[in-house]
């Protein structure tokens, strides 16, 4: 609340119990904090392993938040395998796991192509998938609009941002292109 006023729409679409995967557009370096603040249940986030190499404070927050580090198969195939195994364990325990299927921050404010990682997760643990969209975060201090994120002067404070939560998609229908379409509709 120091920098933003968060409004959550569709909170009733988050299951009260049981495992589920959240998929969301990736706008800024604090998307995970915003999603975590907007969801009443604890959320496990799957994030690039490079995130853990950042500042001490960020690394400690990630560890406390039980963030699941992931890497591409080219970078570290063992870490990729471990990330999918840990995600399956969390989902089987009834946790909510959030991924940003674009795999990178948007550089121009538009939605990037979703990668098929969620489909891989669903083969092991078929759970509902909830599409979500972060709205009005593009242009913030933590986004890449106007240059590198965090390295520019903040232009606005107390911005109104929205976490729009869509209806659950059954695991059998949850393909990367279909989920991308659902998130794109939430952004409209």
N, C-alpha and C. Protein backbone atom coordinates (compact mmCIF):
# COMPACT_ATOMS: atom_id res chain seq x y z
N UNK A 1 0.80 -1.22 0.00
CA UNK A 1 0.00 0.00 0.00
C UNK A 1 0.84 1.27 0.00
N UNK A 2 2.14 1.15 0.11
CA UNK A 2 2.99 2.33 0.06
C UNK A 2 2.97 2.93 -1.35
N UNK A 3 2.98 2.07 -2.38
CA UNK A 3 3.03 2.57 -3.75
C UNK A 3 1.75 2.34 -4.55
N UNK A 4 0.91 1.39 -4.15
CA UNK A 4 -0.24 1.01 -4.97
C UNK A 4 -1.50 0.85 -4.13
N UNK A 5 -2.62 0.93 -4.80
CA UNK A 5 -3.91 0.62 -4.22
C UNK A 5 -4.43 -0.58 -5.01
N UNK A 6 -4.43 -1.74 -4.38
CA UNK A 6 -4.78 -2.99 -5.07
C UNK A 6 -6.26 -3.31 -4.92
N UNK A 7 -6.88 -3.57 -6.06
CA UNK A 7 -8.27 -4.03 -6.10
C UNK A 7 -8.26 -5.44 -6.68
N UNK A 8 -8.91 -6.37 -6.02
CA UNK A 8 -8.98 -7.75 -6.49
C UNK A 8 -10.40 -8.00 -6.97
N UNK A 9 -10.52 -8.48 -8.22
CA UNK A 9 -11.82 -8.79 -8.82
C UNK A 9 -11.84 -10.28 -9.15
N UNK A 10 -12.85 -10.98 -8.69
CA UNK A 10 -13.00 -12.40 -8.98
C UNK A 10 -12.36 -13.31 -7.95
N UNK A 11 -12.17 -12.80 -6.75
CA UNK A 11 -11.54 -13.59 -5.69
C UNK A 11 -12.30 -14.89 -5.42
N UNK A 12 -13.58 -14.90 -5.69
CA UNK A 12 -14.39 -16.10 -5.47
C UNK A 12 -13.97 -17.26 -6.39
N UNK A 13 -13.19 -16.97 -7.42
CA UNK A 13 -12.73 -18.01 -8.35
C UNK A 13 -11.53 -18.80 -7.83
N UNK A 14 -10.95 -18.36 -6.72
CA UNK A 14 -9.85 -19.11 -6.10
C UNK A 14 -10.47 -20.18 -5.21
N UNK A 15 -10.14 -21.46 -5.45
CA UNK A 15 -10.72 -22.50 -4.59
C UNK A 15 -10.28 -22.35 -3.14
N UNK A 16 -11.18 -22.61 -2.23
CA UNK A 16 -10.88 -22.47 -0.80
C UNK A 16 -9.95 -23.58 -0.31
N UNK A 17 -10.02 -24.73 -0.95
CA UNK A 17 -9.16 -25.85 -0.58
C UNK A 17 -8.68 -26.55 -1.85
N UNK A 18 -7.66 -27.37 -1.70
CA UNK A 18 -7.16 -28.18 -2.81
C UNK A 18 -6.16 -27.45 -3.67
N UNK A 19 -5.41 -28.22 -4.41
CA UNK A 19 -4.38 -27.67 -5.29
C UNK A 19 -4.96 -26.98 -6.51
N UNK A 20 -4.24 -25.99 -6.99
CA UNK A 20 -4.62 -25.26 -8.20
C UNK A 20 -3.38 -24.54 -8.72
N UNK A 21 -3.38 -24.27 -10.01
CA UNK A 21 -2.31 -23.49 -10.62
C UNK A 21 -2.88 -22.14 -11.04
N UNK A 22 -2.19 -21.09 -10.66
CA UNK A 22 -2.53 -19.74 -11.10
C UNK A 22 -1.60 -19.38 -12.25
N UNK A 23 -2.15 -18.84 -13.34
CA UNK A 23 -1.32 -18.32 -14.43
C UNK A 23 -1.63 -16.84 -14.59
N UNK A 24 -0.58 -16.04 -14.74
CA UNK A 24 -0.75 -14.59 -14.76
C UNK A 24 0.23 -13.95 -15.73
N UNK A 25 -0.17 -12.82 -16.30
CA UNK A 25 0.76 -12.06 -17.14
C UNK A 25 1.91 -11.55 -16.29
N UNK A 26 3.04 -11.27 -16.95
CA UNK A 26 4.26 -10.89 -16.21
C UNK A 26 4.67 -9.47 -16.61
N UNK A 27 4.32 -8.52 -15.76
CA UNK A 27 4.48 -7.11 -16.07
C UNK A 27 5.68 -6.47 -15.37
N UNK A 28 5.95 -6.89 -14.13
CA UNK A 28 6.96 -6.20 -13.34
C UNK A 28 7.70 -7.18 -12.41
N UNK A 29 8.73 -6.67 -11.77
CA UNK A 29 9.50 -7.48 -10.84
C UNK A 29 8.76 -7.76 -9.53
N UNK A 30 7.65 -7.09 -9.29
CA UNK A 30 6.91 -7.33 -8.04
C UNK A 30 5.57 -8.02 -8.27
N UNK A 31 5.38 -8.59 -9.44
CA UNK A 31 4.12 -9.30 -9.72
C UNK A 31 3.81 -10.33 -8.65
N UNK A 32 4.83 -11.05 -8.24
CA UNK A 32 4.61 -12.12 -7.25
C UNK A 32 4.15 -11.55 -5.90
N UNK A 33 4.65 -10.38 -5.55
CA UNK A 33 4.23 -9.76 -4.29
C UNK A 33 2.77 -9.30 -4.40
N UNK A 34 2.42 -8.74 -5.54
CA UNK A 34 1.04 -8.27 -5.75
C UNK A 34 0.07 -9.46 -5.73
N UNK A 35 0.42 -10.54 -6.45
CA UNK A 35 -0.45 -11.72 -6.47
C UNK A 35 -0.56 -12.30 -5.06
N UNK A 36 0.56 -12.41 -4.37
CA UNK A 36 0.54 -12.93 -3.00
C UNK A 36 -0.32 -12.10 -2.07
N UNK A 37 -0.32 -10.78 -2.27
CA UNK A 37 -1.13 -9.89 -1.43
C UNK A 37 -2.62 -9.99 -1.78
N UNK A 38 -2.91 -10.33 -3.03
CA UNK A 38 -4.30 -10.36 -3.48
C UNK A 38 -5.03 -11.67 -3.26
N UNK A 39 -4.28 -12.73 -2.96
CA UNK A 39 -4.87 -14.05 -2.75
C UNK A 39 -4.82 -14.37 -1.26
N UNK A 40 -5.93 -14.80 -0.71
CA UNK A 40 -6.00 -15.07 0.74
C UNK A 40 -5.26 -16.34 1.15
N UNK A 41 -5.16 -17.30 0.26
CA UNK A 41 -4.43 -18.53 0.57
C UNK A 41 -2.94 -18.33 0.29
N UNK A 42 -2.09 -19.06 1.00
CA UNK A 42 -0.66 -18.98 0.67
C UNK A 42 -0.40 -19.47 -0.75
N UNK A 43 0.49 -18.81 -1.46
CA UNK A 43 0.80 -19.15 -2.85
C UNK A 43 2.27 -19.50 -2.96
N UNK A 44 2.57 -20.59 -3.65
CA UNK A 44 3.95 -20.96 -3.98
C UNK A 44 4.21 -20.46 -5.40
N UNK A 45 5.29 -19.73 -5.58
CA UNK A 45 5.62 -19.16 -6.88
C UNK A 45 6.75 -19.93 -7.53
N UNK A 46 6.65 -20.15 -8.84
CA UNK A 46 7.72 -20.74 -9.63
C UNK A 46 8.41 -19.57 -10.32
N UNK A 47 9.72 -19.39 -10.03
CA UNK A 47 10.45 -18.24 -10.58
C UNK A 47 11.82 -18.65 -11.10
N UNK A 48 12.30 -17.86 -12.02
CA UNK A 48 13.64 -18.07 -12.59
C UNK A 48 14.68 -18.11 -11.48
N UNK A 49 15.58 -19.08 -11.59
CA UNK A 49 16.62 -19.26 -10.56
C UNK A 49 17.52 -18.04 -10.41
N UNK A 50 17.63 -17.22 -11.44
CA UNK A 50 18.46 -16.02 -11.36
C UNK A 50 17.94 -15.06 -10.30
N UNK A 51 16.65 -15.14 -10.03
CA UNK A 51 16.03 -14.29 -9.00
C UNK A 51 16.70 -14.51 -7.65
N UNK A 52 17.14 -15.73 -7.40
CA UNK A 52 17.77 -16.07 -6.13
C UNK A 52 19.19 -15.52 -6.02
N UNK A 53 19.73 -15.08 -7.14
CA UNK A 53 21.09 -14.54 -7.13
C UNK A 53 21.09 -13.03 -6.93
N UNK A 54 19.93 -12.45 -6.74
CA UNK A 54 19.80 -11.01 -6.55
C UNK A 54 20.25 -10.59 -5.17
N UNK A 55 19.66 -9.56 -4.68
CA UNK A 55 20.03 -9.01 -3.38
C UNK A 55 19.72 -9.99 -2.25
N UNK A 56 20.37 -9.81 -1.14
CA UNK A 56 20.17 -10.65 0.03
C UNK A 56 18.72 -10.60 0.49
N UNK A 57 18.13 -9.42 0.48
CA UNK A 57 16.75 -9.25 0.95
C UNK A 57 15.79 -10.02 0.04
N UNK A 58 15.96 -9.88 -1.27
CA UNK A 58 15.09 -10.58 -2.22
C UNK A 58 15.24 -12.09 -2.05
N UNK A 59 16.47 -12.54 -1.92
CA UNK A 59 16.75 -13.97 -1.76
C UNK A 59 16.06 -14.50 -0.48
N UNK A 60 16.15 -13.75 0.61
CA UNK A 60 15.51 -14.17 1.85
C UNK A 60 13.99 -14.19 1.73
N UNK A 61 13.42 -13.20 1.06
CA UNK A 61 11.97 -13.19 0.82
C UNK A 61 11.55 -14.41 0.02
N UNK A 62 12.34 -14.74 -0.99
CA UNK A 62 12.02 -15.91 -1.83
C UNK A 62 12.10 -17.20 -1.02
N UNK A 63 13.09 -17.32 -0.18
CA UNK A 63 13.23 -18.51 0.65
C UNK A 63 12.07 -18.61 1.64
N UNK A 64 11.74 -17.50 2.31
CA UNK A 64 10.62 -17.50 3.26
C UNK A 64 9.30 -17.80 2.56
N UNK A 65 9.15 -17.33 1.32
CA UNK A 65 7.94 -17.56 0.57
C UNK A 65 7.88 -18.91 -0.11
N UNK A 66 8.89 -19.74 0.12
CA UNK A 66 8.97 -21.08 -0.48
C UNK A 66 8.86 -21.04 -2.00
N UNK A 67 9.54 -20.06 -2.60
CA UNK A 67 9.57 -19.92 -4.04
C UNK A 67 10.30 -21.12 -4.64
N UNK A 68 9.79 -21.62 -5.75
CA UNK A 68 10.37 -22.77 -6.43
C UNK A 68 11.23 -22.25 -7.57
N UNK A 69 12.57 -22.42 -7.49
CA UNK A 69 13.43 -21.94 -8.57
C UNK A 69 13.35 -22.86 -9.78
N UNK A 70 13.42 -22.25 -10.97
CA UNK A 70 13.36 -23.01 -12.22
C UNK A 70 14.38 -22.45 -13.19
N UNK A 71 14.85 -23.29 -14.09
CA UNK A 71 15.78 -22.88 -15.15
C UNK A 71 15.35 -23.57 -16.44
N UNK A 72 15.84 -23.07 -17.56
CA UNK A 72 15.54 -23.73 -18.83
C UNK A 72 16.32 -25.03 -18.93
N UNK A 73 15.92 -25.89 -19.85
CA UNK A 73 16.63 -27.16 -20.02
C UNK A 73 18.05 -26.93 -20.53
N UNK A 74 18.29 -25.84 -21.23
CA UNK A 74 19.64 -25.51 -21.71
C UNK A 74 20.54 -25.07 -20.55
N UNK A 75 19.96 -24.27 -19.64
CA UNK A 75 20.74 -23.74 -18.51
C UNK A 75 21.07 -24.79 -17.47
N UNK A 76 20.03 -25.51 -17.01
CA UNK A 76 20.21 -26.45 -15.91
C UNK A 76 19.09 -27.49 -15.93
N UNK A 77 19.28 -28.59 -16.70
CA UNK A 77 18.21 -29.59 -16.81
C UNK A 77 17.83 -30.22 -15.46
N UNK A 78 18.78 -30.34 -14.55
CA UNK A 78 18.48 -30.92 -13.23
C UNK A 78 17.59 -29.99 -12.40
N UNK A 79 17.86 -28.69 -12.47
CA UNK A 79 17.03 -27.74 -11.74
C UNK A 79 15.63 -27.69 -12.34
N UNK A 80 15.53 -27.80 -13.65
CA UNK A 80 14.21 -27.83 -14.30
C UNK A 80 13.42 -29.04 -13.82
N UNK A 81 14.06 -30.20 -13.80
CA UNK A 81 13.40 -31.42 -13.33
C UNK A 81 12.98 -31.27 -11.88
N UNK A 82 13.86 -30.74 -11.04
CA UNK A 82 13.56 -30.55 -9.62
C UNK A 82 12.38 -29.59 -9.43
N UNK A 83 12.30 -28.56 -10.28
CA UNK A 83 11.19 -27.59 -10.18
C UNK A 83 9.86 -28.26 -10.47
N UNK A 84 9.82 -29.11 -11.50
CA UNK A 84 8.57 -29.80 -11.82
C UNK A 84 8.20 -30.81 -10.73
N UNK A 85 9.20 -31.47 -10.15
CA UNK A 85 8.93 -32.41 -9.06
C UNK A 85 8.39 -31.68 -7.83
N UNK A 86 9.01 -30.58 -7.49
CA UNK A 86 8.56 -29.83 -6.30
C UNK A 86 7.17 -29.23 -6.52
N UNK A 87 6.90 -28.76 -7.74
CA UNK A 87 5.58 -28.23 -8.05
C UNK A 87 4.53 -29.32 -7.89
N UNK A 88 4.82 -30.52 -8.39
CA UNK A 88 3.88 -31.65 -8.26
C UNK A 88 3.64 -31.97 -6.79
N UNK A 89 4.69 -31.96 -5.98
CA UNK A 89 4.54 -32.23 -4.54
C UNK A 89 3.62 -31.20 -3.89
N UNK A 90 3.86 -29.93 -4.20
CA UNK A 90 3.04 -28.85 -3.61
C UNK A 90 1.58 -28.99 -4.01
N UNK A 91 1.33 -29.28 -5.29
CA UNK A 91 -0.05 -29.42 -5.77
C UNK A 91 -0.73 -30.62 -5.13
N UNK A 92 0.00 -31.73 -4.99
CA UNK A 92 -0.57 -32.93 -4.34
C UNK A 92 -0.90 -32.66 -2.88
N UNK A 93 -0.15 -31.77 -2.24
CA UNK A 93 -0.43 -31.40 -0.85
C UNK A 93 -1.60 -30.43 -0.75
N UNK A 94 -2.09 -29.95 -1.88
CA UNK A 94 -3.23 -29.04 -1.86
C UNK A 94 -2.86 -27.58 -1.89
N UNK A 95 -1.62 -27.27 -2.27
CA UNK A 95 -1.17 -25.88 -2.33
C UNK A 95 -1.60 -25.22 -3.64
N UNK A 96 -1.55 -23.90 -3.62
CA UNK A 96 -1.75 -23.12 -4.84
C UNK A 96 -0.37 -22.73 -5.34
N UNK A 97 -0.12 -22.98 -6.63
CA UNK A 97 1.15 -22.67 -7.25
C UNK A 97 0.90 -21.65 -8.36
N UNK A 98 1.69 -20.59 -8.38
CA UNK A 98 1.54 -19.56 -9.40
C UNK A 98 2.74 -19.57 -10.33
N UNK A 99 2.45 -19.53 -11.63
CA UNK A 99 3.52 -19.40 -12.63
C UNK A 99 3.20 -18.21 -13.54
N UNK A 100 4.24 -17.67 -14.10
CA UNK A 100 4.12 -16.62 -15.10
C UNK A 100 4.56 -17.25 -16.42
N UNK A 101 3.60 -17.84 -17.17
CA UNK A 101 3.94 -18.69 -18.31
C UNK A 101 4.61 -17.99 -19.49
N UNK A 102 4.69 -16.66 -19.46
CA UNK A 102 5.44 -15.97 -20.51
C UNK A 102 6.93 -16.22 -20.35
N UNK A 103 7.36 -16.50 -19.13
CA UNK A 103 8.76 -16.81 -18.87
C UNK A 103 9.67 -15.60 -18.81
N UNK A 104 9.14 -14.42 -19.03
CA UNK A 104 9.93 -13.19 -18.95
C UNK A 104 8.99 -12.00 -18.81
N UNK A 105 9.57 -10.90 -18.31
CA UNK A 105 8.79 -9.67 -18.20
C UNK A 105 8.48 -9.14 -19.59
N UNK A 106 7.32 -8.52 -19.72
CA UNK A 106 7.00 -7.86 -20.98
C UNK A 106 7.93 -6.66 -21.17
N UNK A 107 8.37 -6.46 -22.40
CA UNK A 107 9.24 -5.31 -22.67
C UNK A 107 8.47 -4.15 -23.28
N UNK A 108 7.20 -4.42 -23.68
CA UNK A 108 6.42 -3.37 -24.32
C UNK A 108 4.98 -3.27 -23.80
N UNK A 109 4.68 -3.98 -22.74
CA UNK A 109 3.34 -3.91 -22.16
C UNK A 109 2.36 -4.91 -22.73
N UNK A 110 2.75 -5.62 -23.79
CA UNK A 110 1.84 -6.61 -24.38
C UNK A 110 2.13 -8.00 -23.81
N UNK A 111 1.20 -8.88 -24.02
CA UNK A 111 1.31 -10.25 -23.54
C UNK A 111 2.24 -11.04 -24.45
N UNK A 112 3.26 -11.69 -23.88
CA UNK A 112 4.15 -12.56 -24.64
C UNK A 112 3.50 -13.94 -24.79
N UNK A 113 4.04 -14.73 -25.71
CA UNK A 113 3.53 -16.09 -25.93
C UNK A 113 3.75 -16.94 -24.67
N UNK A 114 2.72 -17.70 -24.29
CA UNK A 114 2.82 -18.59 -23.12
C UNK A 114 3.62 -19.83 -23.50
N UNK A 115 4.49 -20.24 -22.61
CA UNK A 115 5.27 -21.46 -22.79
C UNK A 115 4.46 -22.64 -22.23
N UNK A 116 4.75 -23.86 -22.69
CA UNK A 116 3.92 -25.02 -22.33
C UNK A 116 4.22 -25.66 -20.98
N UNK A 117 4.94 -25.01 -20.09
CA UNK A 117 5.26 -25.59 -18.79
C UNK A 117 4.05 -26.01 -17.99
N UNK A 118 2.97 -25.24 -18.07
CA UNK A 118 1.77 -25.58 -17.30
C UNK A 118 1.19 -26.91 -17.77
N UNK A 119 1.28 -27.19 -19.06
CA UNK A 119 0.78 -28.46 -19.58
C UNK A 119 1.57 -29.63 -19.01
N UNK A 120 2.87 -29.44 -18.87
CA UNK A 120 3.73 -30.46 -18.27
C UNK A 120 3.34 -30.70 -16.81
N UNK A 121 3.07 -29.62 -16.10
CA UNK A 121 2.67 -29.73 -14.69
C UNK A 121 1.37 -30.50 -14.55
N UNK A 122 0.45 -30.24 -15.46
CA UNK A 122 -0.88 -30.85 -15.38
C UNK A 122 -0.86 -32.35 -15.71
N UNK A 123 0.12 -32.79 -16.48
CA UNK A 123 0.23 -34.23 -16.77
C UNK A 123 0.50 -35.01 -15.50
N UNK A 124 1.34 -34.45 -14.64
CA UNK A 124 1.70 -35.09 -13.37
C UNK A 124 0.60 -34.92 -12.33
N UNK A 125 0.04 -33.73 -12.25
CA UNK A 125 -0.97 -33.42 -11.23
C UNK A 125 -2.10 -32.60 -11.87
N UNK A 126 -3.13 -33.26 -12.36
CA UNK A 126 -4.25 -32.53 -12.98
C UNK A 126 -5.08 -31.78 -11.93
N UNK A 127 -4.94 -30.47 -11.95
CA UNK A 127 -5.67 -29.59 -11.03
C UNK A 127 -6.29 -28.47 -11.85
N UNK A 128 -7.25 -27.74 -11.29
CA UNK A 128 -7.80 -26.59 -12.01
C UNK A 128 -6.73 -25.51 -12.22
N UNK A 129 -6.88 -24.76 -13.30
CA UNK A 129 -5.97 -23.66 -13.61
C UNK A 129 -6.78 -22.37 -13.62
N UNK A 130 -6.32 -21.39 -12.86
CA UNK A 130 -7.03 -20.13 -12.75
C UNK A 130 -6.26 -19.04 -13.48
N UNK A 131 -6.83 -18.49 -14.57
CA UNK A 131 -6.16 -17.39 -15.27
C UNK A 131 -6.35 -16.08 -14.50
N UNK A 132 -5.30 -15.25 -14.51
CA UNK A 132 -5.35 -13.96 -13.82
C UNK A 132 -4.64 -12.91 -14.68
N UNK A 133 -4.96 -11.66 -14.43
CA UNK A 133 -4.31 -10.56 -15.15
C UNK A 133 -4.02 -9.41 -14.20
N UNK A 134 -2.80 -8.92 -14.27
CA UNK A 134 -2.41 -7.71 -13.53
C UNK A 134 -2.64 -6.52 -14.46
N UNK A 135 -3.46 -5.58 -13.99
CA UNK A 135 -3.87 -4.45 -14.82
C UNK A 135 -3.36 -3.15 -14.20
N UNK A 136 -2.82 -2.29 -15.03
CA UNK A 136 -2.33 -0.95 -14.68
C UNK A 136 -0.99 -0.96 -13.94
N UNK A 137 -0.25 -2.06 -14.06
CA UNK A 137 1.08 -2.12 -13.45
C UNK A 137 2.17 -1.73 -14.46
N UNK A 138 1.84 -1.81 -15.75
CA UNK A 138 2.76 -1.39 -16.79
C UNK A 138 2.98 0.12 -16.66
N UNK A 139 4.21 0.53 -16.65
CA UNK A 139 4.54 1.94 -16.45
C UNK A 139 4.97 2.24 -15.04
N UNK A 140 4.88 1.23 -14.16
CA UNK A 140 5.31 1.44 -12.79
C UNK A 140 6.84 1.41 -12.70
N UNK A 141 7.35 1.82 -11.58
CA UNK A 141 8.78 1.83 -11.28
C UNK A 141 9.40 0.44 -11.47
N UNK A 142 8.60 -0.62 -11.25
CA UNK A 142 9.09 -2.00 -11.31
C UNK A 142 8.90 -2.65 -12.67
N UNK A 143 8.35 -1.93 -13.66
CA UNK A 143 8.18 -2.47 -15.00
C UNK A 143 9.28 -1.93 -15.92
N UNK A 144 9.32 -2.43 -17.13
CA UNK A 144 10.36 -2.02 -18.07
C UNK A 144 9.95 -0.83 -18.95
N UNK A 145 8.80 -0.26 -18.71
CA UNK A 145 8.39 0.89 -19.50
C UNK A 145 9.34 2.06 -19.23
N UNK A 146 9.85 2.66 -20.28
CA UNK A 146 10.72 3.81 -20.14
C UNK A 146 12.15 3.47 -19.75
N UNK A 147 12.55 2.20 -19.92
CA UNK A 147 13.92 1.80 -19.59
C UNK A 147 13.95 0.64 -18.62
N UNK A 148 15.09 0.42 -18.08
CA UNK A 148 15.27 -0.71 -17.16
C UNK A 148 14.45 -0.51 -15.89
N UNK A 149 13.87 -1.59 -15.44
CA UNK A 149 13.06 -1.54 -14.22
C UNK A 149 13.94 -1.23 -13.02
N UNK A 150 13.40 -0.50 -12.09
CA UNK A 150 14.00 -0.16 -10.80
C UNK A 150 15.15 0.85 -10.91
N UNK A 151 15.68 1.08 -12.08
CA UNK A 151 16.81 2.00 -12.23
C UNK A 151 16.38 3.37 -12.74
N UNK A 152 15.12 3.68 -12.64
CA UNK A 152 14.63 4.98 -13.08
C UNK A 152 13.90 5.67 -11.93
N UNK A 153 13.63 6.91 -12.09
CA UNK A 153 12.93 7.68 -11.06
C UNK A 153 11.45 7.30 -11.08
N UNK A 154 10.87 6.95 -9.94
CA UNK A 154 9.43 6.64 -9.90
C UNK A 154 8.62 7.84 -10.37
N UNK A 155 7.63 7.58 -11.23
CA UNK A 155 6.80 8.67 -11.76
C UNK A 155 5.46 8.78 -11.08
N UNK A 156 5.07 7.72 -10.42
CA UNK A 156 3.74 7.76 -9.82
C UNK A 156 3.72 6.94 -8.53
N UNK A 157 2.89 7.38 -7.61
CA UNK A 157 2.67 6.67 -6.36
C UNK A 157 1.17 6.49 -6.17
N UNK A 158 0.80 5.54 -5.37
CA UNK A 158 -0.59 5.25 -5.04
C UNK A 158 -1.44 4.96 -6.28
N UNK A 159 -0.82 4.36 -7.28
CA UNK A 159 -1.57 3.97 -8.47
C UNK A 159 -2.59 2.90 -8.13
N UNK A 160 -3.68 2.96 -8.83
CA UNK A 160 -4.71 1.94 -8.65
C UNK A 160 -4.39 0.80 -9.62
N UNK A 161 -4.17 -0.38 -9.06
CA UNK A 161 -3.92 -1.55 -9.89
C UNK A 161 -4.97 -2.59 -9.57
N UNK A 162 -5.19 -3.49 -10.53
CA UNK A 162 -6.21 -4.52 -10.36
C UNK A 162 -5.62 -5.89 -10.62
N UNK A 163 -6.00 -6.84 -9.79
CA UNK A 163 -5.73 -8.25 -10.03
C UNK A 163 -7.07 -8.85 -10.43
N UNK A 164 -7.21 -9.14 -11.71
CA UNK A 164 -8.46 -9.68 -12.27
C UNK A 164 -8.31 -11.21 -12.31
N UNK A 165 -9.19 -11.92 -11.61
CA UNK A 165 -9.11 -13.37 -11.51
C UNK A 165 -10.27 -13.99 -12.29
N UNK A 166 -9.93 -14.85 -13.25
CA UNK A 166 -10.95 -15.50 -14.08
C UNK A 166 -11.44 -16.81 -13.49
N UNK A 167 -12.39 -17.41 -14.18
CA UNK A 167 -12.95 -18.68 -13.75
C UNK A 167 -11.95 -19.81 -14.02
N UNK A 168 -12.01 -20.84 -13.19
CA UNK A 168 -11.10 -21.98 -13.31
C UNK A 168 -11.29 -22.70 -14.65
N UNK A 169 -10.17 -23.15 -15.19
CA UNK A 169 -10.17 -23.93 -16.42
C UNK A 169 -9.85 -25.37 -16.01
N UNK A 170 -10.67 -26.34 -16.45
CA UNK A 170 -10.38 -27.74 -16.12
C UNK A 170 -9.03 -28.16 -16.72
N UNK A 171 -8.31 -29.06 -16.04
CA UNK A 171 -6.97 -29.43 -16.51
C UNK A 171 -6.94 -29.96 -17.94
N UNK A 172 -7.98 -30.64 -18.37
CA UNK A 172 -8.02 -31.18 -19.73
C UNK A 172 -8.10 -30.12 -20.81
N UNK A 173 -8.54 -28.93 -20.48
CA UNK A 173 -8.66 -27.83 -21.46
C UNK A 173 -7.51 -26.84 -21.36
N UNK A 174 -6.66 -26.99 -20.38
CA UNK A 174 -5.66 -25.96 -20.06
C UNK A 174 -4.39 -26.12 -20.90
N UNK A 175 -4.46 -25.68 -22.14
CA UNK A 175 -3.27 -25.63 -22.98
C UNK A 175 -2.70 -24.22 -22.90
N UNK A 176 -1.43 -24.08 -23.23
CA UNK A 176 -0.79 -22.76 -23.18
C UNK A 176 -1.53 -21.74 -24.05
N UNK A 177 -1.87 -22.06 -25.32
CA UNK A 177 -2.60 -21.06 -26.13
C UNK A 177 -3.97 -20.69 -25.56
N UNK A 178 -4.68 -21.68 -25.02
CA UNK A 178 -6.01 -21.41 -24.46
C UNK A 178 -5.90 -20.51 -23.23
N UNK A 179 -4.94 -20.80 -22.37
CA UNK A 179 -4.74 -19.97 -21.17
C UNK A 179 -4.30 -18.56 -21.54
N UNK A 180 -3.47 -18.44 -22.56
CA UNK A 180 -3.05 -17.11 -23.02
C UNK A 180 -4.26 -16.32 -23.50
N UNK A 181 -5.16 -16.98 -24.20
CA UNK A 181 -6.38 -16.32 -24.66
C UNK A 181 -7.24 -15.86 -23.48
N UNK A 182 -7.34 -16.70 -22.45
CA UNK A 182 -8.13 -16.35 -21.27
C UNK A 182 -7.53 -15.13 -20.54
N UNK A 183 -6.21 -15.11 -20.39
CA UNK A 183 -5.55 -13.97 -19.72
C UNK A 183 -5.71 -12.71 -20.57
N UNK A 184 -5.58 -12.85 -21.88
CA UNK A 184 -5.75 -11.69 -22.78
C UNK A 184 -7.16 -11.09 -22.63
N UNK A 185 -8.17 -11.94 -22.50
CA UNK A 185 -9.54 -11.44 -22.32
C UNK A 185 -9.70 -10.70 -20.99
N UNK A 186 -9.01 -11.20 -19.95
CA UNK A 186 -9.08 -10.51 -18.65
C UNK A 186 -8.40 -9.14 -18.70
N UNK A 187 -7.44 -8.99 -19.59
CA UNK A 187 -6.74 -7.72 -19.73
C UNK A 187 -7.56 -6.66 -20.47
N UNK A 188 -8.58 -7.10 -21.20
CA UNK A 188 -9.38 -6.16 -21.99
C UNK A 188 -10.21 -5.26 -21.11
